[in-house]
């Protein structure tokens, strides 16, 4: 279920149901694999030096590009949400415990925002660094880069979908209520 990410050198990084994060050459040869305690359904985020991803074992990992662990951060629940990186350099992700977390690149907590249910949706970063994500509590949320609440939009079902923010700030996402939504940047 993890989607691959490609590094600047062409290395392909992807998580697997066999509990590993893999790095492959562009022609499919395994460079390295890193074993976690459960399936890796989260897709990795890559920077110039690090790979960030979550695992169903309840740990959020930071690895070097050579596959060595830099740090790991525990949460209480599976991490299916794929991380994103804000303009101010925070790594953000949701988890089964209903908390969207922001960590520094050194694995230290910057802030948390609690919703009413799981967050399997991967957060999007839109205009002015606004963070957009869905929750199992039927709401799509918009937060500031500092974790401050800006607005929320209620749908008729749980939101597993990861939102997309276009260049004009419009937001697109699906809900378990069998509808596809398009909102403007103010949540209308």
N, C-alpha and C. Protein backbone atom coordinates (compact mmCIF):
# COMPACT_ATOMS: atom_id res chain seq x y z
N UNK A 1 0.82 -1.21 0.00
CA UNK A 1 0.00 0.00 0.00
C UNK A 1 0.85 1.26 0.00
N UNK A 2 2.11 1.14 0.38
CA UNK A 2 3.02 2.28 0.36
C UNK A 2 3.31 2.68 -1.08
N UNK A 3 3.27 3.97 -1.36
CA UNK A 3 3.66 4.45 -2.69
C UNK A 3 5.15 4.75 -2.68
N UNK A 4 5.84 4.49 -3.79
CA UNK A 4 7.27 4.74 -3.82
C UNK A 4 7.61 6.22 -3.91
N UNK A 5 8.78 6.55 -3.43
CA UNK A 5 9.34 7.90 -3.58
C UNK A 5 10.71 7.72 -4.24
N UNK A 6 11.08 8.69 -5.06
CA UNK A 6 12.33 8.59 -5.80
C UNK A 6 13.28 9.70 -5.37
N UNK A 7 14.49 9.32 -4.98
CA UNK A 7 15.50 10.27 -4.57
C UNK A 7 16.13 10.97 -5.76
N UNK A 8 16.88 12.03 -5.50
CA UNK A 8 17.52 12.80 -6.57
C UNK A 8 18.48 11.95 -7.41
N UNK A 9 19.05 10.91 -6.79
CA UNK A 9 19.98 10.04 -7.53
C UNK A 9 19.27 8.89 -8.24
N UNK A 10 17.93 8.86 -8.19
CA UNK A 10 17.16 7.81 -8.85
C UNK A 10 16.82 6.63 -7.96
N UNK A 11 17.34 6.60 -6.73
CA UNK A 11 17.01 5.51 -5.81
C UNK A 11 15.52 5.53 -5.52
N UNK A 12 14.90 4.34 -5.53
CA UNK A 12 13.48 4.20 -5.27
C UNK A 12 13.32 3.66 -3.85
N UNK A 13 12.52 4.35 -3.03
CA UNK A 13 12.26 3.96 -1.65
C UNK A 13 10.79 3.59 -1.53
N UNK A 14 10.50 2.45 -0.90
CA UNK A 14 9.11 2.02 -0.75
C UNK A 14 8.97 1.10 0.46
N UNK A 15 7.85 1.24 1.17
CA UNK A 15 7.55 0.36 2.29
C UNK A 15 6.84 -0.89 1.80
N UNK A 16 6.81 -1.92 2.66
CA UNK A 16 6.25 -3.21 2.25
C UNK A 16 5.47 -3.85 3.40
N UNK A 17 4.53 -4.71 3.01
CA UNK A 17 3.77 -5.49 3.99
C UNK A 17 4.63 -6.49 4.74
N UNK A 18 5.86 -6.73 4.28
CA UNK A 18 6.77 -7.64 5.00
C UNK A 18 7.53 -6.92 6.11
N UNK A 19 7.09 -5.70 6.46
CA UNK A 19 7.64 -4.89 7.57
C UNK A 19 8.94 -4.18 7.25
N UNK A 20 9.33 -4.13 6.00
CA UNK A 20 10.59 -3.48 5.62
C UNK A 20 10.35 -2.19 4.83
N UNK A 21 11.29 -1.26 4.98
CA UNK A 21 11.44 -0.15 4.06
C UNK A 21 12.59 -0.54 3.15
N UNK A 22 12.37 -0.44 1.84
CA UNK A 22 13.37 -0.85 0.86
C UNK A 22 13.93 0.34 0.10
N UNK A 23 15.17 0.20 -0.33
CA UNK A 23 15.80 1.11 -1.29
C UNK A 23 16.25 0.27 -2.47
N UNK A 24 15.82 0.67 -3.68
CA UNK A 24 16.15 -0.05 -4.90
C UNK A 24 16.91 0.86 -5.86
N UNK A 25 17.75 0.24 -6.70
CA UNK A 25 18.33 0.98 -7.81
C UNK A 25 17.20 1.21 -8.83
N UNK A 26 17.38 2.14 -9.77
CA UNK A 26 16.34 2.36 -10.78
C UNK A 26 15.98 1.11 -11.60
N UNK A 27 16.93 0.14 -11.69
CA UNK A 27 16.61 -1.08 -12.43
C UNK A 27 16.17 -2.23 -11.54
N UNK A 28 15.85 -1.92 -10.26
CA UNK A 28 15.18 -2.90 -9.39
C UNK A 28 16.05 -3.75 -8.48
N UNK A 29 17.33 -3.45 -8.35
CA UNK A 29 18.19 -4.21 -7.44
C UNK A 29 18.08 -3.62 -6.03
N UNK A 30 18.00 -4.50 -5.03
CA UNK A 30 17.90 -4.04 -3.64
C UNK A 30 19.23 -3.45 -3.21
N UNK A 31 19.20 -2.21 -2.72
CA UNK A 31 20.40 -1.57 -2.17
C UNK A 31 20.48 -1.88 -0.68
N UNK A 32 19.35 -1.69 0.02
CA UNK A 32 19.26 -2.02 1.43
C UNK A 32 17.80 -2.18 1.81
N UNK A 33 17.57 -2.80 2.98
CA UNK A 33 16.24 -2.86 3.56
C UNK A 33 16.37 -2.63 5.05
N UNK A 34 15.34 -1.99 5.62
CA UNK A 34 15.32 -1.68 7.05
C UNK A 34 14.07 -2.32 7.63
N UNK A 35 14.26 -3.19 8.62
CA UNK A 35 13.16 -3.96 9.22
C UNK A 35 12.52 -3.19 10.36
N UNK A 36 11.17 -3.06 10.30
CA UNK A 36 10.39 -2.51 11.41
C UNK A 36 9.64 -3.66 12.07
N UNK A 37 8.79 -3.35 13.03
CA UNK A 37 8.07 -4.40 13.75
C UNK A 37 6.73 -4.77 13.17
N UNK A 38 6.34 -4.18 12.05
CA UNK A 38 5.02 -4.44 11.45
C UNK A 38 5.03 -3.90 10.02
N UNK A 39 3.96 -4.16 9.24
CA UNK A 39 3.92 -3.66 7.87
C UNK A 39 4.15 -2.15 7.78
N UNK A 40 4.80 -1.74 6.68
CA UNK A 40 5.05 -0.33 6.41
C UNK A 40 4.11 0.07 5.28
N UNK A 41 2.97 0.67 5.65
CA UNK A 41 1.97 1.10 4.67
C UNK A 41 2.12 2.58 4.33
N UNK A 42 2.81 3.31 5.18
CA UNK A 42 3.09 4.72 4.99
C UNK A 42 4.08 4.89 3.84
N UNK A 43 3.83 5.88 2.99
CA UNK A 43 4.79 6.20 1.92
C UNK A 43 5.86 7.12 2.48
N UNK A 44 7.10 6.97 2.06
CA UNK A 44 8.18 7.79 2.63
C UNK A 44 8.22 9.20 2.07
N UNK A 45 8.71 10.11 2.91
CA UNK A 45 9.07 11.47 2.48
C UNK A 45 10.59 11.53 2.50
N UNK A 46 11.17 12.16 1.49
CA UNK A 46 12.62 12.19 1.35
C UNK A 46 13.11 13.63 1.32
N UNK A 47 14.20 13.88 2.05
CA UNK A 47 14.90 15.16 1.96
C UNK A 47 16.29 14.88 1.37
N UNK A 48 17.15 15.88 1.36
CA UNK A 48 18.50 15.67 0.82
C UNK A 48 19.30 14.66 1.63
N UNK A 49 18.96 14.49 2.93
CA UNK A 49 19.76 13.62 3.80
C UNK A 49 18.99 12.48 4.45
N UNK A 50 17.65 12.57 4.49
CA UNK A 50 16.89 11.62 5.30
C UNK A 50 15.63 11.09 4.61
N UNK A 51 15.15 9.96 5.14
CA UNK A 51 13.89 9.34 4.74
C UNK A 51 13.02 9.28 6.00
N UNK A 52 11.78 9.71 5.88
CA UNK A 52 10.83 9.69 7.00
C UNK A 52 9.65 8.82 6.63
N UNK A 53 9.20 7.96 7.56
CA UNK A 53 8.03 7.12 7.31
C UNK A 53 7.53 6.55 8.63
N UNK A 54 6.29 6.10 8.61
CA UNK A 54 5.70 5.44 9.77
C UNK A 54 5.48 3.98 9.50
N UNK A 55 5.24 3.23 10.58
CA UNK A 55 4.99 1.80 10.48
C UNK A 55 3.78 1.44 11.33
N UNK A 56 3.17 0.30 11.01
CA UNK A 56 2.05 -0.20 11.82
C UNK A 56 2.51 -0.62 13.21
N UNK A 57 3.82 -0.63 13.47
CA UNK A 57 4.32 -0.96 14.81
C UNK A 57 4.21 0.22 15.78
N UNK A 58 3.69 1.37 15.30
CA UNK A 58 3.51 2.53 16.16
C UNK A 58 4.76 3.39 16.33
N UNK A 59 5.72 3.22 15.43
CA UNK A 59 6.93 4.04 15.46
C UNK A 59 7.03 4.84 14.17
N UNK A 60 7.51 6.08 14.31
CA UNK A 60 7.81 6.93 13.16
C UNK A 60 9.33 6.98 13.04
N UNK A 61 9.85 6.68 11.85
CA UNK A 61 11.28 6.49 11.65
C UNK A 61 11.92 7.59 10.81
N UNK A 62 13.16 7.88 11.12
CA UNK A 62 14.02 8.71 10.29
C UNK A 62 15.28 7.90 10.01
N UNK A 63 15.55 7.67 8.72
CA UNK A 63 16.74 6.94 8.31
C UNK A 63 17.62 7.85 7.47
N UNK A 64 18.92 7.53 7.46
CA UNK A 64 19.81 8.19 6.50
C UNK A 64 19.52 7.60 5.12
N UNK A 65 20.01 8.24 4.08
CA UNK A 65 19.78 7.71 2.73
C UNK A 65 20.48 6.37 2.51
N UNK A 66 21.40 6.02 3.41
CA UNK A 66 22.07 4.72 3.31
C UNK A 66 21.36 3.65 4.16
N UNK A 67 20.20 4.00 4.73
CA UNK A 67 19.40 3.01 5.46
C UNK A 67 19.72 2.85 6.93
N UNK A 68 20.54 3.73 7.48
CA UNK A 68 20.88 3.67 8.91
C UNK A 68 19.88 4.50 9.71
N UNK A 69 19.46 3.97 10.85
CA UNK A 69 18.48 4.69 11.66
C UNK A 69 19.11 5.92 12.30
N UNK A 70 18.43 7.04 12.19
CA UNK A 70 18.86 8.29 12.83
C UNK A 70 18.11 8.46 14.14
N UNK A 71 16.79 8.24 14.10
CA UNK A 71 15.96 8.28 15.30
C UNK A 71 14.61 7.63 15.01
N UNK A 72 13.88 7.31 16.07
CA UNK A 72 12.53 6.77 15.95
C UNK A 72 11.68 7.40 17.05
N UNK A 73 10.43 7.69 16.73
CA UNK A 73 9.52 8.36 17.67
C UNK A 73 8.28 7.49 17.85
N UNK A 74 7.93 7.14 19.12
CA UNK A 74 6.78 6.26 19.35
C UNK A 74 5.45 7.03 19.42
N UNK A 75 4.40 6.40 18.90
CA UNK A 75 3.03 6.91 19.06
C UNK A 75 2.16 5.74 19.52
N UNK A 76 0.93 6.02 19.91
CA UNK A 76 0.05 4.93 20.38
C UNK A 76 -0.93 4.55 19.28
N UNK A 77 -0.46 3.77 18.30
CA UNK A 77 -1.30 3.30 17.22
C UNK A 77 -0.54 3.20 15.93
N UNK A 78 -1.17 2.58 14.95
CA UNK A 78 -0.57 2.41 13.63
C UNK A 78 -0.35 3.76 12.96
N UNK A 79 0.66 3.82 12.10
CA UNK A 79 0.91 5.01 11.29
C UNK A 79 0.77 4.60 9.83
N UNK A 80 -0.37 4.93 9.25
CA UNK A 80 -0.63 4.67 7.84
C UNK A 80 -0.45 5.97 7.05
N UNK A 81 -0.72 7.09 7.71
CA UNK A 81 -0.55 8.41 7.11
C UNK A 81 0.88 8.59 6.63
N UNK A 82 1.03 9.11 5.43
CA UNK A 82 2.37 9.39 4.91
C UNK A 82 2.79 10.79 5.35
N UNK A 83 4.06 10.96 5.72
CA UNK A 83 4.50 12.26 6.21
C UNK A 83 4.64 13.30 5.11
N UNK A 84 4.63 14.54 5.53
CA UNK A 84 4.90 15.66 4.65
C UNK A 84 5.82 16.60 5.42
N UNK A 85 6.45 17.51 4.73
CA UNK A 85 7.38 18.44 5.37
C UNK A 85 6.89 19.85 5.11
N UNK A 86 6.73 20.63 6.18
CA UNK A 86 6.21 21.98 6.06
C UNK A 86 7.31 22.94 5.60
N UNK A 87 6.93 24.13 5.10
CA UNK A 87 7.94 25.11 4.68
C UNK A 87 8.89 25.52 5.81
N UNK A 88 8.43 25.42 7.07
CA UNK A 88 9.31 25.78 8.19
C UNK A 88 10.09 24.57 8.70
N UNK A 89 10.12 23.45 7.93
CA UNK A 89 11.00 22.32 8.23
C UNK A 89 10.50 21.30 9.22
N UNK A 90 9.20 21.28 9.51
CA UNK A 90 8.66 20.27 10.41
C UNK A 90 8.16 19.07 9.63
N UNK A 91 8.30 17.88 10.20
CA UNK A 91 7.79 16.66 9.60
C UNK A 91 6.44 16.38 10.24
N UNK A 92 5.38 16.31 9.43
CA UNK A 92 4.03 16.14 9.97
C UNK A 92 3.43 14.81 9.49
N UNK A 93 2.65 14.17 10.36
CA UNK A 93 1.99 12.91 10.03
C UNK A 93 0.86 12.65 11.02
N UNK A 94 -0.11 11.85 10.60
CA UNK A 94 -1.20 11.44 11.47
C UNK A 94 -1.03 10.01 11.91
N UNK A 95 -1.87 9.58 12.86
CA UNK A 95 -1.79 8.20 13.33
C UNK A 95 -3.16 7.72 13.79
N UNK A 96 -3.21 6.44 14.12
CA UNK A 96 -4.45 5.78 14.52
C UNK A 96 -5.04 6.38 15.79
N UNK A 97 -4.20 7.00 16.61
CA UNK A 97 -4.68 7.59 17.86
C UNK A 97 -5.37 8.94 17.67
N UNK A 98 -5.52 9.40 16.41
CA UNK A 98 -6.25 10.63 16.12
C UNK A 98 -5.46 11.90 16.32
N UNK A 99 -4.14 11.79 16.38
CA UNK A 99 -3.29 12.97 16.60
C UNK A 99 -2.45 13.25 15.36
N UNK A 100 -2.49 14.50 14.89
CA UNK A 100 -1.55 14.96 13.87
C UNK A 100 -0.35 15.51 14.63
N UNK A 101 0.82 14.99 14.31
CA UNK A 101 2.04 15.39 15.02
C UNK A 101 2.97 16.15 14.09
N UNK A 102 3.70 17.09 14.67
CA UNK A 102 4.77 17.79 13.99
C UNK A 102 6.04 17.57 14.79
N UNK A 103 7.05 17.02 14.12
CA UNK A 103 8.35 16.77 14.76
C UNK A 103 9.41 17.61 14.06
N UNK A 104 10.44 17.96 14.80
CA UNK A 104 11.59 18.60 14.18
C UNK A 104 12.36 17.55 13.40
N UNK A 105 13.30 17.95 12.57
CA UNK A 105 14.10 16.99 11.81
C UNK A 105 15.00 16.16 12.73
N UNK A 106 15.06 16.53 14.00
CA UNK A 106 15.84 15.77 14.99
C UNK A 106 14.95 14.85 15.83
N UNK A 107 13.65 14.76 15.49
CA UNK A 107 12.74 13.85 16.18
C UNK A 107 12.16 14.39 17.46
N UNK A 108 12.24 15.68 17.68
CA UNK A 108 11.67 16.30 18.89
C UNK A 108 10.27 16.82 18.58
N UNK A 109 9.31 16.65 19.50
CA UNK A 109 7.95 17.15 19.26
C UNK A 109 7.93 18.68 19.17
N UNK A 110 7.24 19.19 18.15
CA UNK A 110 7.05 20.63 18.00
C UNK A 110 5.64 21.00 18.45
N UNK A 111 4.63 20.22 18.01
CA UNK A 111 3.25 20.41 18.44
C UNK A 111 2.42 19.18 18.05
N UNK A 112 1.21 19.10 18.63
CA UNK A 112 0.24 18.05 18.32
C UNK A 112 -1.13 18.68 18.16
N UNK A 113 -1.97 18.05 17.32
CA UNK A 113 -3.37 18.47 17.21
C UNK A 113 -4.22 17.21 17.24
N UNK A 114 -5.15 17.14 18.20
CA UNK A 114 -5.98 15.95 18.40
C UNK A 114 -7.33 16.12 17.69
N UNK A 115 -7.73 15.08 16.95
CA UNK A 115 -9.05 15.03 16.32
C UNK A 115 -9.90 14.01 17.07
N UNK A 116 -11.11 13.77 16.57
CA UNK A 116 -12.02 12.85 17.25
C UNK A 116 -11.89 11.40 16.86
N UNK A 117 -10.99 11.05 15.94
CA UNK A 117 -10.82 9.67 15.51
C UNK A 117 -9.49 9.54 14.76
N UNK A 118 -9.26 8.38 14.16
CA UNK A 118 -7.99 8.09 13.48
C UNK A 118 -7.68 9.10 12.38
N UNK A 119 -6.38 9.22 12.07
CA UNK A 119 -5.92 10.01 10.93
C UNK A 119 -5.08 9.10 10.05
N UNK A 120 -5.73 8.52 9.03
CA UNK A 120 -5.01 7.72 8.05
C UNK A 120 -4.70 8.56 6.81
N UNK A 121 -5.39 9.69 6.68
CA UNK A 121 -5.17 10.64 5.60
C UNK A 121 -3.77 11.23 5.72
N UNK A 122 -3.10 11.39 4.60
CA UNK A 122 -1.78 12.03 4.60
C UNK A 122 -1.97 13.54 4.50
N UNK A 123 -1.28 14.31 5.34
CA UNK A 123 -1.49 15.76 5.31
C UNK A 123 -0.89 16.40 4.05
N UNK A 124 -1.61 17.37 3.53
CA UNK A 124 -1.13 18.18 2.41
C UNK A 124 -0.70 19.53 2.97
N UNK A 125 0.27 20.14 2.33
CA UNK A 125 0.70 21.48 2.73
C UNK A 125 0.35 22.41 1.58
N UNK A 126 -0.51 23.39 1.87
CA UNK A 126 -0.98 24.30 0.84
C UNK A 126 -0.36 25.67 0.96
N UNK A 127 -1.09 26.63 0.44
CA UNK A 127 -0.64 28.03 0.45
C UNK A 127 -0.35 28.49 1.87
N UNK A 128 0.68 29.32 1.99
CA UNK A 128 1.08 29.90 3.27
C UNK A 128 1.37 28.83 4.32
N UNK A 129 1.70 27.60 3.86
CA UNK A 129 2.04 26.53 4.78
C UNK A 129 0.87 25.92 5.51
N UNK A 130 -0.37 26.21 5.07
CA UNK A 130 -1.54 25.62 5.72
C UNK A 130 -1.50 24.10 5.56
N UNK A 131 -1.85 23.42 6.65
CA UNK A 131 -1.83 21.96 6.68
C UNK A 131 -3.26 21.45 6.59
N UNK A 132 -3.53 20.61 5.60
CA UNK A 132 -4.88 20.10 5.33
C UNK A 132 -4.85 18.58 5.47
N UNK A 133 -5.79 18.00 6.23
CA UNK A 133 -5.86 16.56 6.40
C UNK A 133 -7.25 16.14 6.83
N UNK A 134 -7.58 14.87 6.59
CA UNK A 134 -8.87 14.32 6.98
C UNK A 134 -8.74 13.40 8.18
N UNK A 135 -9.89 13.14 8.83
CA UNK A 135 -9.92 12.29 10.01
C UNK A 135 -11.11 11.33 9.93
N UNK A 136 -11.03 10.28 10.71
CA UNK A 136 -12.14 9.34 10.83
C UNK A 136 -13.34 9.93 11.55
N UNK A 137 -13.21 11.15 12.07
CA UNK A 137 -14.35 11.81 12.72
C UNK A 137 -15.22 12.57 11.72
N UNK A 138 -14.99 12.35 10.41
CA UNK A 138 -15.77 12.93 9.30
C UNK A 138 -15.37 14.36 8.95
N UNK A 139 -14.35 14.91 9.57
CA UNK A 139 -13.95 16.29 9.29
C UNK A 139 -12.67 16.36 8.46
N UNK A 140 -12.61 17.38 7.60
CA UNK A 140 -11.37 17.79 6.95
C UNK A 140 -10.89 19.00 7.75
N UNK A 141 -9.64 19.00 8.16
CA UNK A 141 -9.08 20.06 9.01
C UNK A 141 -8.09 20.92 8.24
N UNK A 142 -8.01 22.18 8.66
CA UNK A 142 -7.00 23.10 8.17
C UNK A 142 -6.31 23.72 9.38
N UNK A 143 -4.99 23.55 9.47
CA UNK A 143 -4.20 24.10 10.57
C UNK A 143 -3.13 25.03 10.01
N UNK A 144 -2.64 25.91 10.87
CA UNK A 144 -1.47 26.72 10.53
C UNK A 144 -0.21 25.91 10.73
N UNK A 145 0.93 26.43 10.26
CA UNK A 145 2.21 25.73 10.41
C UNK A 145 2.57 25.49 11.87
N UNK A 146 2.01 26.30 12.76
CA UNK A 146 2.28 26.14 14.19
C UNK A 146 1.29 25.23 14.88
N UNK A 147 0.41 24.57 14.11
CA UNK A 147 -0.58 23.66 14.68
C UNK A 147 -1.86 24.33 15.14
N UNK A 148 -1.99 25.63 14.90
CA UNK A 148 -3.19 26.36 15.32
C UNK A 148 -4.37 26.02 14.41
N UNK A 149 -5.55 25.90 14.99
CA UNK A 149 -6.76 25.58 14.25
C UNK A 149 -7.17 26.78 13.38
N UNK A 150 -7.48 26.51 12.10
CA UNK A 150 -7.98 27.56 11.21
C UNK A 150 -9.45 27.29 10.87
N UNK A 151 -9.76 26.08 10.36
CA UNK A 151 -11.15 25.72 10.10
C UNK A 151 -11.26 24.21 9.96
N UNK A 152 -12.52 23.72 9.98
CA UNK A 152 -12.79 22.32 9.66
C UNK A 152 -14.09 22.24 8.87
N UNK A 153 -14.20 21.19 8.04
CA UNK A 153 -15.36 21.01 7.18
C UNK A 153 -15.91 19.60 7.41
N UNK A 154 -17.20 19.51 7.75
CA UNK A 154 -17.80 18.21 8.06
C UNK A 154 -18.40 17.57 6.81
N UNK A 155 -18.08 16.27 6.63
CA UNK A 155 -18.67 15.46 5.58
C UNK A 155 -19.60 14.44 6.23
N UNK A 156 -20.24 13.60 5.43
CA UNK A 156 -21.15 12.60 5.96
C UNK A 156 -20.49 11.26 6.23
N UNK A 157 -19.16 11.19 6.15
CA UNK A 157 -18.46 9.93 6.38
C UNK A 157 -17.01 10.15 6.76
N UNK A 158 -16.37 9.06 7.11
CA UNK A 158 -14.96 9.11 7.49
C UNK A 158 -14.11 9.52 6.29
N UNK A 159 -12.99 10.18 6.58
CA UNK A 159 -12.10 10.63 5.51
C UNK A 159 -10.79 9.85 5.59
N UNK A 160 -10.65 8.91 4.68
CA UNK A 160 -9.40 8.15 4.52
C UNK A 160 -8.52 8.82 3.47
N UNK A 161 -9.17 9.50 2.54
CA UNK A 161 -8.53 10.13 1.39
C UNK A 161 -7.51 11.19 1.82
N UNK A 162 -6.43 11.28 1.07
CA UNK A 162 -5.45 12.34 1.29
C UNK A 162 -5.81 13.51 0.39
N UNK A 163 -5.93 14.71 0.94
CA UNK A 163 -6.34 15.85 0.12
C UNK A 163 -5.25 16.31 -0.83
N UNK A 164 -5.69 16.97 -1.90
CA UNK A 164 -4.80 17.60 -2.86
C UNK A 164 -5.12 19.09 -2.85
N UNK A 165 -4.08 19.92 -2.81
CA UNK A 165 -4.26 21.37 -2.86
C UNK A 165 -3.65 21.85 -4.17
N UNK A 166 -4.46 22.56 -5.01
CA UNK A 166 -3.95 23.03 -6.28
C UNK A 166 -3.24 24.38 -6.12
N UNK A 167 -2.72 24.91 -7.22
CA UNK A 167 -1.95 26.16 -7.18
C UNK A 167 -2.78 27.37 -6.77
N UNK A 168 -4.11 27.27 -6.92
CA UNK A 168 -4.99 28.37 -6.51
C UNK A 168 -5.46 28.24 -5.06
N UNK A 169 -5.02 27.16 -4.38
CA UNK A 169 -5.42 26.95 -2.99
C UNK A 169 -6.69 26.15 -2.82
N UNK A 170 -7.28 25.66 -3.92
CA UNK A 170 -8.48 24.82 -3.83
C UNK A 170 -8.08 23.44 -3.32
N UNK A 171 -8.99 22.80 -2.59
CA UNK A 171 -8.72 21.52 -1.93
C UNK A 171 -9.67 20.47 -2.48
N UNK A 172 -9.15 19.29 -2.80
CA UNK A 172 -9.94 18.19 -3.36
C UNK A 172 -9.72 16.94 -2.51
N UNK A 173 -10.81 16.23 -2.18
CA UNK A 173 -10.70 15.02 -1.38
C UNK A 173 -11.99 14.22 -1.48
N UNK A 174 -11.91 12.95 -1.13
CA UNK A 174 -13.08 12.08 -1.08
C UNK A 174 -13.42 11.72 0.35
N UNK A 175 -14.69 11.30 0.54
CA UNK A 175 -15.18 10.91 1.86
C UNK A 175 -15.88 9.56 1.75
N UNK A 176 -15.99 8.87 2.88
CA UNK A 176 -16.69 7.60 2.93
C UNK A 176 -18.20 7.77 2.70
N UNK A 177 -18.67 9.01 2.61
CA UNK A 177 -20.08 9.27 2.30
C UNK A 177 -20.36 9.15 0.80
N UNK A 178 -19.37 8.67 0.05
CA UNK A 178 -19.45 8.45 -1.40
C UNK A 178 -19.51 9.74 -2.21
N UNK A 179 -18.96 10.80 -1.64
CA UNK A 179 -18.88 12.07 -2.35
C UNK A 179 -17.43 12.50 -2.52
N UNK A 180 -17.19 13.24 -3.59
CA UNK A 180 -15.90 13.88 -3.84
C UNK A 180 -16.12 15.37 -3.66
N UNK A 181 -15.24 16.02 -2.89
CA UNK A 181 -15.44 17.41 -2.53
C UNK A 181 -14.36 18.31 -3.14
N UNK A 182 -14.75 19.54 -3.43
CA UNK A 182 -13.82 20.59 -3.83
C UNK A 182 -14.15 21.80 -2.96
N UNK A 183 -13.18 22.25 -2.18
CA UNK A 183 -13.37 23.41 -1.30
C UNK A 183 -12.39 24.49 -1.71
N UNK A 184 -12.74 25.72 -1.42
CA UNK A 184 -11.75 26.79 -1.61
C UNK A 184 -10.85 26.83 -0.37
N UNK A 185 -9.84 27.68 -0.40
CA UNK A 185 -8.87 27.73 0.69
C UNK A 185 -9.41 28.14 2.04
N UNK A 186 -10.64 28.69 2.05
CA UNK A 186 -11.26 29.08 3.33
C UNK A 186 -12.20 27.99 3.86
N UNK A 187 -12.27 26.85 3.17
CA UNK A 187 -13.10 25.74 3.64
C UNK A 187 -14.53 25.80 3.16
N UNK A 188 -14.84 26.63 2.18
CA UNK A 188 -16.20 26.74 1.62
C UNK A 188 -16.31 25.84 0.39
